[in-house]
PDB file of N, CA and C in Angstrom:
ATOM      1  N   MET A   1       1.058  -0.881   0.231  1.00  0.00           N
ATOM      2  CA  MET A   1       0.183   0.255   0.076  1.00  0.00           C
ATOM      3  C   MET A   1       0.780   1.148  -0.029  1.00  0.00           C
ATOM      4  N   ARG A   2       0.453   2.227  -0.504  1.00  0.00           N
ATOM      5  CA  ARG A   2       1.631   3.389  -0.730  1.00  0.00           C
ATOM      6  C   ARG A   2       1.165   4.378   0.100  1.00  0.00           C
ATOM      7  N   GLU A   3       2.316   4.794   0.745  1.00  0.00           N
ATOM      8  CA  GLU A   3       2.180   6.044   1.901  1.00  0.00           C
ATOM      9  C   GLU A   3       1.479   7.434   1.469  1.00  0.00           C
ATOM     10  N   GLU A   4       0.219   7.864   1.905  1.00  0.00           N
ATOM     11  CA  GLU A   4      -0.609   8.729   1.846  1.00  0.00           C
ATOM     12  C   GLU A   4      -0.199  10.159   2.376  1.00  0.00           C
ATOM     13  N   VAL A   5       0.625  11.467   1.172  1.00  0.00           N
ATOM     14  CA  VAL A   5       1.558  12.003   1.976  1.00  0.00           C
ATOM     15  C   VAL A   5       0.441  13.128   1.691  1.00  0.00           C
ATOM     16  N   PRO A   6       0.211  14.508   2.468  1.00  0.00           N
ATOM     17  CA  PRO A   6      -0.271  14.958   2.389  1.00  0.00           C
ATOM     18  C   PRO A   6       0.369  16.273   1.351  1.00  0.00           C
ATOM     19  N   VAL A   7       0.261  16.912   0.116  1.00  0.00           N
ATOM     20  CA  VAL A   7       0.284  18.158  -0.354  1.00  0.00           C
ATOM     21  C   VAL A   7       0.314  19.104   0.253  1.00  0.00           C
ATOM     22  N   ALA A   8      -1.063  19.387   0.664  1.00  0.00           N
ATOM     23  CA  ALA A   8      -1.679  20.944   0.857  1.00  0.00           C
ATOM     24  C   ALA A   8      -2.617  20.499   1.718  1.00  0.00           C
ATOM     25  N   ILE A   9      -2.428  20.838   3.113  1.00  0.00           N
ATOM     26  CA  ILE A   9      -3.605  21.173   3.814  1.00  0.00           C
ATOM     27  C   ILE A   9      -4.056  21.906   4.616  1.00  0.00           C
ATOM     28  N   GLY A  10      -5.366  22.374   4.466  1.00  0.00           N
ATOM     29  CA  GLY A  10      -6.128  23.421   5.028  1.00  0.00           C
ATOM     30  C   GLY A  10      -7.312  23.174   5.314  1.00  0.00           C
ATOM     31  N   ALA A  11      -7.901  23.707   6.626  1.00  0.00           N
ATOM     32  CA  ALA A  11      -9.539  22.918   6.745  1.00  0.00           C
ATOM     33  C   ALA A  11     -10.456  24.040   6.466  1.00  0.00           C
ATOM     34  N   SER A  12     -10.117  25.416   5.843  1.00  0.00           N
ATOM     35  CA  SER A  12     -11.089  26.704   5.602  1.00  0.00           C
ATOM     36  C   SER A  12     -10.540  26.986   3.853  1.00  0.00           C
ATOM     37  N   THR A  13      -9.331  26.504   3.657  1.00  0.00           N
ATOM     38  CA  THR A  13      -9.014  26.908   1.983  1.00  0.00           C
ATOM     39  C   THR A  13      -8.891  25.762   1.348  1.00  0.00           C
ATOM     40  N   THR A  14      -9.282  26.227   0.042  1.00  0.00           N
ATOM     41  CA  THR A  14      -8.536  24.974  -1.261  1.00  0.00           C
ATOM     42  C   THR A  14      -6.840  25.256  -1.680  1.00  0.00           C
ATOM     43  N   PRO A  15      -6.601  23.803  -2.177  1.00  0.00           N
ATOM     44  CA  PRO A  15      -5.653  24.008  -2.717  1.00  0.00           C
ATOM     45  C   PRO A  15      -5.198  25.256  -3.628  1.00  0.00           C
ATOM     46  N   LEU A  16      -4.478  25.266  -4.019  1.00  0.00           N
ATOM     47  CA  LEU A  16      -3.860  26.038  -5.582  1.00  0.00           C
ATOM     48  C   LEU A  16      -3.678  24.949  -6.294  1.00  0.00           C
ATOM     49  N   CYS A  17      -3.727  25.045  -7.436  1.00  0.00           N
ATOM     50  CA  CYS A  17      -3.328  24.341  -8.942  1.00  0.00           C
ATOM     51  C   CYS A  17      -2.255  23.980  -8.853  1.00  0.00           C
ATOM     52  N   ILE A  18      -1.499  22.851  -9.116  1.00  0.00           N
ATOM     53  CA  ILE A  18      -0.050  22.313  -8.819  1.00  0.00           C
ATOM     54  C   ILE A  18       0.303  22.823 -10.382  1.00  0.00           C
ATOM     55  N   LEU A  19      -0.517  22.840 -11.156  1.00  0.00           N
ATOM     56  CA  LEU A  19       0.091  23.044 -12.584  1.00  0.00           C
ATOM     57  C   LEU A  19       0.131  24.261 -13.272  1.00  0.00           C
ATOM     58  N   CYS A  20      -0.662  25.667 -12.072  1.00  0.00           N
ATOM     59  CA  CYS A  20      -0.739  27.055 -12.893  1.00  0.00           C
ATOM     60  C   CYS A  20       0.481  27.824 -12.179  1.00  0.00           C
ATOM     61  N   GLU A  21       1.138  28.473 -12.632  1.00  0.00           N
ATOM     62  CA  GLU A  21       2.007  29.556 -12.438  1.00  0.00           C
ATOM     63  C   GLU A  21       1.799  30.459 -11.220  1.00  0.00           C
ATOM     64  N   PRO A  22       2.573  29.958 -10.147  1.00  0.00           N
ATOM     65  CA  PRO A  22       2.258  30.679  -9.064  1.00  0.00           C
ATOM     66  C   PRO A  22       2.158  32.212  -9.152  1.00  0.00           C
ATOM     67  N   GLY A  23       1.234  32.979  -8.454  1.00  0.00           N
ATOM     68  CA  GLY A  23       0.615  34.438  -9.172  1.00  0.00           C
ATOM     69  C   GLY A  23      -0.232  34.506 -10.398  1.00  0.00           C
ATOM     70  N   SER A  24      -0.006  33.756 -10.954  1.00  0.00           N
ATOM     71  CA  SER A  24      -0.884  33.496 -12.446  1.00  0.00           C
ATOM     72  C   SER A  24      -2.394  34.348 -12.028  1.00  0.00           C
ATOM     73  N   ARG A  25      -3.172  34.604 -13.260  1.00  0.00           N
ATOM     74  CA  ARG A  25      -3.966  35.194 -13.183  1.00  0.00           C
ATOM     75  C   ARG A  25      -5.224  34.516 -12.933  1.00  0.00           C
ATOM     76  N   ALA A  26      -4.856  32.971 -13.562  1.00  0.00           N
ATOM     77  CA  ALA A  26      -5.835  31.842 -13.679  1.00  0.00           C
ATOM     78  C   ALA A  26      -6.982  31.755 -12.124  1.00  0.00           C
ATOM     79  N   LYS A  27      -8.134  31.527 -12.095  1.00  0.00           N
ATOM     80  CA  LYS A  27      -8.487  31.679 -11.060  1.00  0.00           C
ATOM     81  C   LYS A  27      -8.610  30.045 -10.632  1.00  0.00           C
ATOM     82  N   ASN A  28      -8.127  29.837  -9.652  1.00  0.00           N
ATOM     83  CA  ASN A  28      -8.205  28.754  -8.635  1.00  0.00           C
ATOM     84  C   ASN A  28      -9.990  27.696  -8.514  1.00  0.00           C
ATOM     85  N   PRO A  29      -9.226  26.499  -8.466  1.00  0.00           N
ATOM     86  CA  PRO A  29     -10.985  25.883  -8.748  1.00  0.00           C
ATOM     87  C   PRO A  29     -11.033  25.803  -6.890  1.00  0.00           C
ATOM     88  N   LYS A  30     -12.429  26.266  -6.998  1.00  0.00           N
ATOM     89  CA  LYS A  30     -13.221  26.410  -5.725  1.00  0.00           C
ATOM     90  C   LYS A  30     -13.668  24.845  -4.819  1.00  0.00           C
ATOM     91  N   THR A  31     -13.772  24.053  -5.903  1.00  0.00           N
ATOM     92  CA  THR A  31     -14.370  22.798  -4.803  1.00  0.00           C
ATOM     93  C   THR A  31     -13.738  21.693  -5.795  1.00  0.00           C
ATOM     94  N   ALA A  32     -13.448  20.737  -4.804  1.00  0.00           N
ATOM     95  CA  ALA A  32     -12.752  19.216  -5.706  1.00  0.00           C
ATOM     96  C   ALA A  32     -13.320  18.924  -6.700  1.00  0.00           C
ATOM     97  N   LEU A  33     -14.494  18.738  -7.214  1.00  0.00           N
ATOM     98  CA  LEU A  33     -14.932  18.643  -8.581  1.00  0.00           C
ATOM     99  C   LEU A  33     -14.468  19.519  -9.417  1.00  0.00           C
ATOM    100  N   ALA A  34     -14.499  20.842  -9.287  1.00  0.00           N
ATOM    101  CA  ALA A  34     -13.807  22.036 -10.287  1.00  0.00           C
ATOM    102  C   ALA A  34     -12.564  21.728 -10.149  1.00  0.00           C
ATOM    103  N   TYR A  35     -11.727  21.328  -9.271  1.00  0.00           N
ATOM    104  CA  TYR A  35     -10.442  21.080  -9.332  1.00  0.00           C
ATOM    105  C   TYR A  35      -9.997  20.153 -10.091  1.00  0.00           C
ATOM    106  N   ALA A  36     -10.778  18.823 -10.306  1.00  0.00           N
ATOM    107  CA  ALA A  36     -10.438  18.074 -11.345  1.00  0.00           C
ATOM    108  C   ALA A  36     -10.832  18.647 -12.794  1.00  0.00           C
ATOM    109  N   ILE A  37     -11.908  18.908 -12.653  1.00  0.00           N
ATOM    110  CA  ILE A  37     -12.433  19.849 -13.847  1.00  0.00           C
ATOM    111  C   ILE A  37     -11.239  20.902 -14.883  1.00  0.00           C
ATOM    112  N   HIS A  38     -10.815  21.786 -13.925  1.00  0.00           N
ATOM    113  CA  HIS A  38      -9.408  22.525 -14.022  1.00  0.00           C
ATOM    114  C   HIS A  38      -8.728  21.886 -14.909  1.00  0.00           C
ATOM    115  N   LEU A  39      -8.031  20.852 -14.207  1.00  0.00           N
ATOM    116  CA  LEU A  39      -6.952  19.993 -14.553  1.00  0.00           C
ATOM    117  C   LEU A  39      -7.079  19.870 -16.433  1.00  0.00           C
ATOM    118  N   LYS A  40      -8.461  19.100 -15.948  1.00  0.00           N
ATOM    119  CA  LYS A  40      -8.855  18.629 -17.517  1.00  0.00           C
ATOM    120  C   LYS A  40      -8.921  19.615 -18.541  1.00  0.00           C
ATOM    121  N   ASN A  41      -9.789  20.451 -18.535  1.00  0.00           N
ATOM    122  CA  ASN A  41     -10.041  21.740 -19.520  1.00  0.00           C
ATOM    123  C   ASN A  41      -8.754  22.822 -19.574  1.00  0.00           C
ATOM    124  N   CYS A  42      -8.193  23.184 -18.505  1.00  0.00           N
ATOM    125  CA  CYS A  42      -7.171  24.188 -18.901  1.00  0.00           C
ATOM    126  C   CYS A  42      -5.843  23.524 -18.810  1.00  0.00           C
ATOM    127  N   HIS A  43      -5.726  22.384 -18.244  1.00  0.00           N
ATOM    128  CA  HIS A  43      -4.139  21.192 -18.577  1.00  0.00           C
ATOM    129  C   HIS A  43      -4.107  20.098 -19.393  1.00  0.00           C
ATOM    130  N   LYS A  44      -5.452  19.646 -19.525  1.00  0.00           N
ATOM    131  CA  LYS A  44      -5.273  18.615 -20.190  1.00  0.00           C
ATOM    132  C   LYS A  44      -4.540  17.290 -20.202  1.00  0.00           C
ATOM    133  N   SER A  45      -4.963  17.397 -18.421  1.00  0.00           N
ATOM    134  CA  SER A  45      -4.406  16.634 -17.313  1.00  0.00           C
ATOM    135  C   SER A  45      -5.339  16.116 -16.709  1.00  0.00           C
ATOM    136  N   SER A  46      -5.005  15.287 -15.739  1.00  0.00           N
ATOM    137  CA  SER A  46      -6.029  14.796 -14.639  1.00  0.00           C
ATOM    138  C   SER A  46      -5.668  14.810 -13.099  1.00  0.00           C
ATOM    139  N   LEU A  47      -6.294  14.067 -12.429  1.00  0.00           N
ATOM    140  CA  LEU A  47      -5.784  13.783 -10.811  1.00  0.00           C
ATOM    141  C   LEU A  47      -4.739  12.778 -11.261  1.00  0.00           C
ATOM    142  N   ILE A  48      -5.043  11.837 -11.497  1.00  0.00           N
ATOM    143  CA  ILE A  48      -4.179  10.613 -11.760  1.00  0.00           C
ATOM    144  C   ILE A  48      -3.057  10.394 -12.249  1.00  0.00           C
ATOM    145  N   ASP A  49      -2.866  11.331 -13.824  1.00  0.00           N
ATOM    146  CA  ASP A  49      -1.840  11.616 -14.514  1.00  0.00           C
ATOM    147  C   ASP A  49      -0.951  12.360 -13.441  1.00  0.00           C
ATOM    148  N   ASN A  50      -1.204  13.215 -12.471  1.00  0.00           N
ATOM    149  CA  ASN A  50      -0.467  13.880 -11.775  1.00  0.00           C
ATOM    150  C   ASN A  50      -0.128  13.387 -10.346  1.00  0.00           C
ATOM    151  N   GLY A  51      -0.607  11.850  -9.841  1.00  0.00           N
ATOM    152  CA  GLY A  51      -0.892  11.370  -8.629  1.00  0.00           C
ATOM    153  C   GLY A  51      -1.142  11.997  -8.205  1.00  0.00           C
ATOM    154  N   ILE A  52      -1.984  12.719  -7.938  1.00  0.00           N
ATOM    155  CA  ILE A  52      -2.172  12.584  -6.601  1.00  0.00           C
ATOM    156  C   ILE A  52      -3.871  12.775  -6.435  1.00  0.00           C
ATOM    157  N   TYR A  53      -4.848  12.943  -5.425  1.00  0.00           N
ATOM    158  CA  TYR A  53      -6.210  12.555  -5.490  1.00  0.00           C
ATOM    159  C   TYR A  53      -6.864  13.401  -4.330  1.00  0.00           C
ATOM    160  N   LEU A  54      -8.115  14.010  -4.357  1.00  0.00           N
ATOM    161  CA  LEU A  54      -8.625  14.960  -3.397  1.00  0.00           C
ATOM    162  C   LEU A  54      -9.288  14.497  -2.241  1.00  0.00           C
ATOM    163  N   ILE A  55      -9.195  14.862  -1.049  1.00  0.00           N
ATOM    164  CA  ILE A  55     -10.069  14.231   0.018  1.00  0.00           C
ATOM    165  C   ILE A  55     -11.142  15.296   0.749  1.00  0.00           C
ATOM    166  N   CYS A  56     -12.313  15.434   0.600  1.00  0.00           N
ATOM    167  CA  CYS A  56     -13.079  16.288   1.081  1.00  0.00           C
ATOM    168  C   CYS A  56     -13.338  16.265   2.558  1.00  0.00           C
ATOM    169  N   LYS A  57     -13.462  17.406   2.972  1.00  0.00           N
ATOM    170  CA  LYS A  57     -14.244  17.655   4.249  1.00  0.00           C
ATOM    171  C   LYS A  57     -15.156  16.725   4.894  1.00  0.00           C
ATOM    172  N   CYS A  58     -15.991  16.194   4.034  1.00  0.00           N
ATOM    173  CA  CYS A  58     -16.978  15.269   4.397  1.00  0.00           C
ATOM    174  C   CYS A  58     -15.787  13.548   4.189  1.00  0.00           C
ATOM    175  N   GLY A  59     -15.357  13.298   3.774  1.00  0.00           N
ATOM    176  CA  GLY A  59     -14.186  12.156   3.841  1.00  0.00           C
ATOM    177  C   GLY A  59     -14.251  11.154   2.220  1.00  0.00           C
ATOM    178  N   MET A  60     -15.008  11.601   1.335  1.00  0.00           N
ATOM    179  CA  MET A  60     -15.011  11.426   0.064  1.00  0.00           C
ATOM    180  C   MET A  60     -13.834  11.642  -0.748  1.00  0.00           C
ATOM    181  N   GLU A  61     -12.937  10.600  -1.294  1.00  0.00           N
ATOM    182  CA  GLU A  61     -11.866  10.982  -1.629  1.00  0.00           C
ATOM    183  C   GLU A  61     -12.714  11.380  -3.563  1.00  0.00           C
ATOM    184  N   VAL A  62     -12.019  12.140  -3.978  1.00  0.00           N
ATOM    185  CA  VAL A  62     -12.429  12.211  -5.263  1.00  0.00           C
ATOM    186  C   VAL A  62     -10.589  11.973  -6.411  1.00  0.00           C
ATOM    187  N   ARG A  63     -10.908  10.823  -7.104  1.00  0.00           N
ATOM    188  CA  ARG A  63      -9.802  10.254  -8.077  1.00  0.00           C
ATOM    189  C   ARG A  63     -10.001  10.684  -9.302  1.00  0.00           C
ATOM    190  N   HIS A  64     -11.279  11.255  -9.518  1.00  0.00           N
ATOM    191  CA  HIS A  64     -11.840  11.625 -11.162  1.00  0.00           C
ATOM    192  C   HIS A  64     -12.602  12.417 -11.085  1.00  0.00           C
ATOM    193  N   GLU A  65     -13.268  13.129 -12.430  1.00  0.00           N
ATOM    194  CA  GLU A  65     -13.908  14.030 -12.530  1.00  0.00           C
ATOM    195  C   GLU A  65     -15.411  13.558 -12.361  1.00  0.00           C
ATOM    196  N   ILE A  66     -15.551  12.758 -12.061  1.00  0.00           N
ATOM    197  CA  ILE A  66     -17.021  11.899 -11.802  1.00  0.00           C
ATOM    198  C   ILE A  66     -18.080  12.885 -11.109  1.00  0.00           C
ATOM    199  N   ARG A  67     -19.020  13.395 -11.424  1.00  0.00           N
ATOM    200  CA  ARG A  67     -19.864  13.823 -10.637  1.00  0.00           C
ATOM    201  C   ARG A  67     -20.674  13.163  -9.803  1.00  0.00           C
ATOM    202  N   ASN A  68     -20.790  13.104  -8.534  1.00  0.00           N
ATOM    203  CA  ASN A  68     -21.350  12.737  -7.467  1.00  0.00           C
ATOM    204  C   ASN A  68     -22.614  13.117  -7.383  1.00  0.00           C
ATOM    205  N   PRO A  69     -23.758  12.781  -7.582  1.00  0.00           N
ATOM    206  CA  PRO A  69     -25.217  13.496  -6.623  1.00  0.00           C
ATOM    207  C   PRO A  69     -25.200  13.378  -5.506  1.00  0.00           C
ATOM    208  N   ASP A  70     -24.950  12.262  -4.777  1.00  0.00           N
ATOM    209  CA  ASP A  70     -25.087  12.179  -3.344  1.00  0.00           C
ATOM    210  C   ASP A  70     -23.793  12.808  -2.698  1.00  0.00           C
ATOM    211  N   HIS A  71     -23.130  12.960  -3.198  1.00  0.00           N
ATOM    212  CA  HIS A  71     -21.498  13.878  -2.830  1.00  0.00           C
ATOM    213  C   HIS A  71     -22.466  15.120  -2.687  1.00  0.00           C
ATOM    214  N   SER A  72     -23.054  16.195  -3.696  1.00  0.00           N
ATOM    215  CA  SER A  72     -23.097  17.462  -3.489  1.00  0.00           C
ATOM    216  C   SER A  72     -24.220  17.486  -2.591  1.00  0.00           C
ATOM    217  N   ARG A  73     -25.505  16.424  -2.225  1.00  0.00           N
ATOM    218  CA  ARG A  73     -26.067  16.401  -1.486  1.00  0.00           C
ATOM    219  C   ARG A  73     -25.670  16.473  -0.006  1.00  0.00           C
ATOM    220  N   LYS A  74     -24.324  16.110   0.277  1.00  0.00           N
ATOM    221  CA  LYS A  74     -23.952  15.701   1.399  1.00  0.00           C
ATOM    222  C   LYS A  74     -23.376  17.169   1.898  1.00  0.00           C
ATOM    223  N   CYS A  75     -22.355  17.634   1.217  1.00  0.00           N
ATOM    224  CA  CYS A  75     -21.872  18.521   1.170  1.00  0.00           C
ATOM    225  C   CYS A  75     -21.669  19.279  -0.481  1.00  0.00           C
ATOM    226  N   ASN A  76     -21.036  21.039   0.139  1.00  0.00           N
ATOM    227  CA  ASN A  76     -20.833  21.362  -1.489  1.00  0.00           C
ATOM    228  C   ASN A  76     -19.135  21.591  -1.869  1.00  0.00           C
ATOM    229  N   GLY A  77     -18.217  20.538  -0.879  1.00  0.00           N
ATOM    230  CA  GLY A  77     -17.213  19.878  -1.903  1.00  0.00           C
ATOM    231  C   GLY A  77     -15.819  21.485  -1.593  1.00  0.00           C
ATOM    232  N   ASP A  78     -16.465  22.599  -1.098  1.00  0.00           N
ATOM    233  CA  ASP A  78     -15.470  23.586  -1.265  1.00  0.00           C
ATOM    234  C   ASP A  78     -14.452  23.274  -0.182  1.00  0.00           C
ATOM    235  N   GLN A  79     -14.097  22.202   0.639  1.00  0.00           N
ATOM    236  CA  GLN A  79     -13.269  22.344   1.310  1.00  0.00           C
ATOM    237  C   GLN A  79     -12.499  21.106   1.659  1.00  0.00           C
ATOM    238  N   PHE A  80     -10.958  20.662   1.039  1.00  0.00           N
ATOM    239  CA  PHE A  80     -10.581  19.693   0.405  1.00  0.00           C
ATOM    240  C   PHE A  80      -9.030  20.046   0.660  1.00  0.00           C
ATOM    241  N   THR A  81      -8.221  18.843   0.612  1.00  0.00           N
ATOM    242  CA  THR A  81      -6.682  18.479   0.816  1.00  0.00           C
ATOM    243  C   THR A  81      -6.927  17.663  -0.209  1.00  0.00           C
ATOM    244  N   LEU A  82      -5.537  17.928  -0.477  1.00  0.00           N
ATOM    245  CA  LEU A  82      -4.681  17.489  -1.851  1.00  0.00           C
ATOM    246  C   LEU A  82      -3.501  16.346  -1.142  1.00  0.00           C
ATOM    247  N   HIS A  83      -3.320  15.119  -1.872  1.00  0.00           N
ATOM    248  CA  HIS A  83      -2.634  14.153  -1.572  1.00  0.00           C
ATOM    249  C   HIS A  83      -2.318  13.545  -2.538  1.00  0.00           C
ATOM    250  N   ARG A  84      -1.032  12.883  -2.607  1.00  0.00           N
ATOM    251  CA  ARG A  84      -0.400  11.835  -3.306  1.00  0.00           C
ATOM    252  C   ARG A  84      -0.557  10.694  -3.527  1.00  0.00           C
ATOM    253  N   MET A  85      -0.729  10.160  -4.580  1.00  0.00           N
ATOM    254  CA  MET A  85      -0.983   8.996  -4.368  1.00  0.00           C
ATOM    255  C   MET A  85       0.348   7.952  -4.075  1.00  0.00           C
TER     256      MET A  85
END
């Protein structure tokens, strides 16, 4: 089993995009789902391509940009941490 090493942790903040230039004018994603979609649309990449996954404050792991209606009803996904696989 791989060790899970947090890349960025913040209970009330969201991680910055790992592929955007620091200080760039690009808007950083505000939710876990938006982060996955941002990687796809802006960088032609994915969470898996970069060896990362997201954990929402409710405990759900996001490894793909799959929309989950049950998760949307549970929380708004705006507090998450970024982890290396």
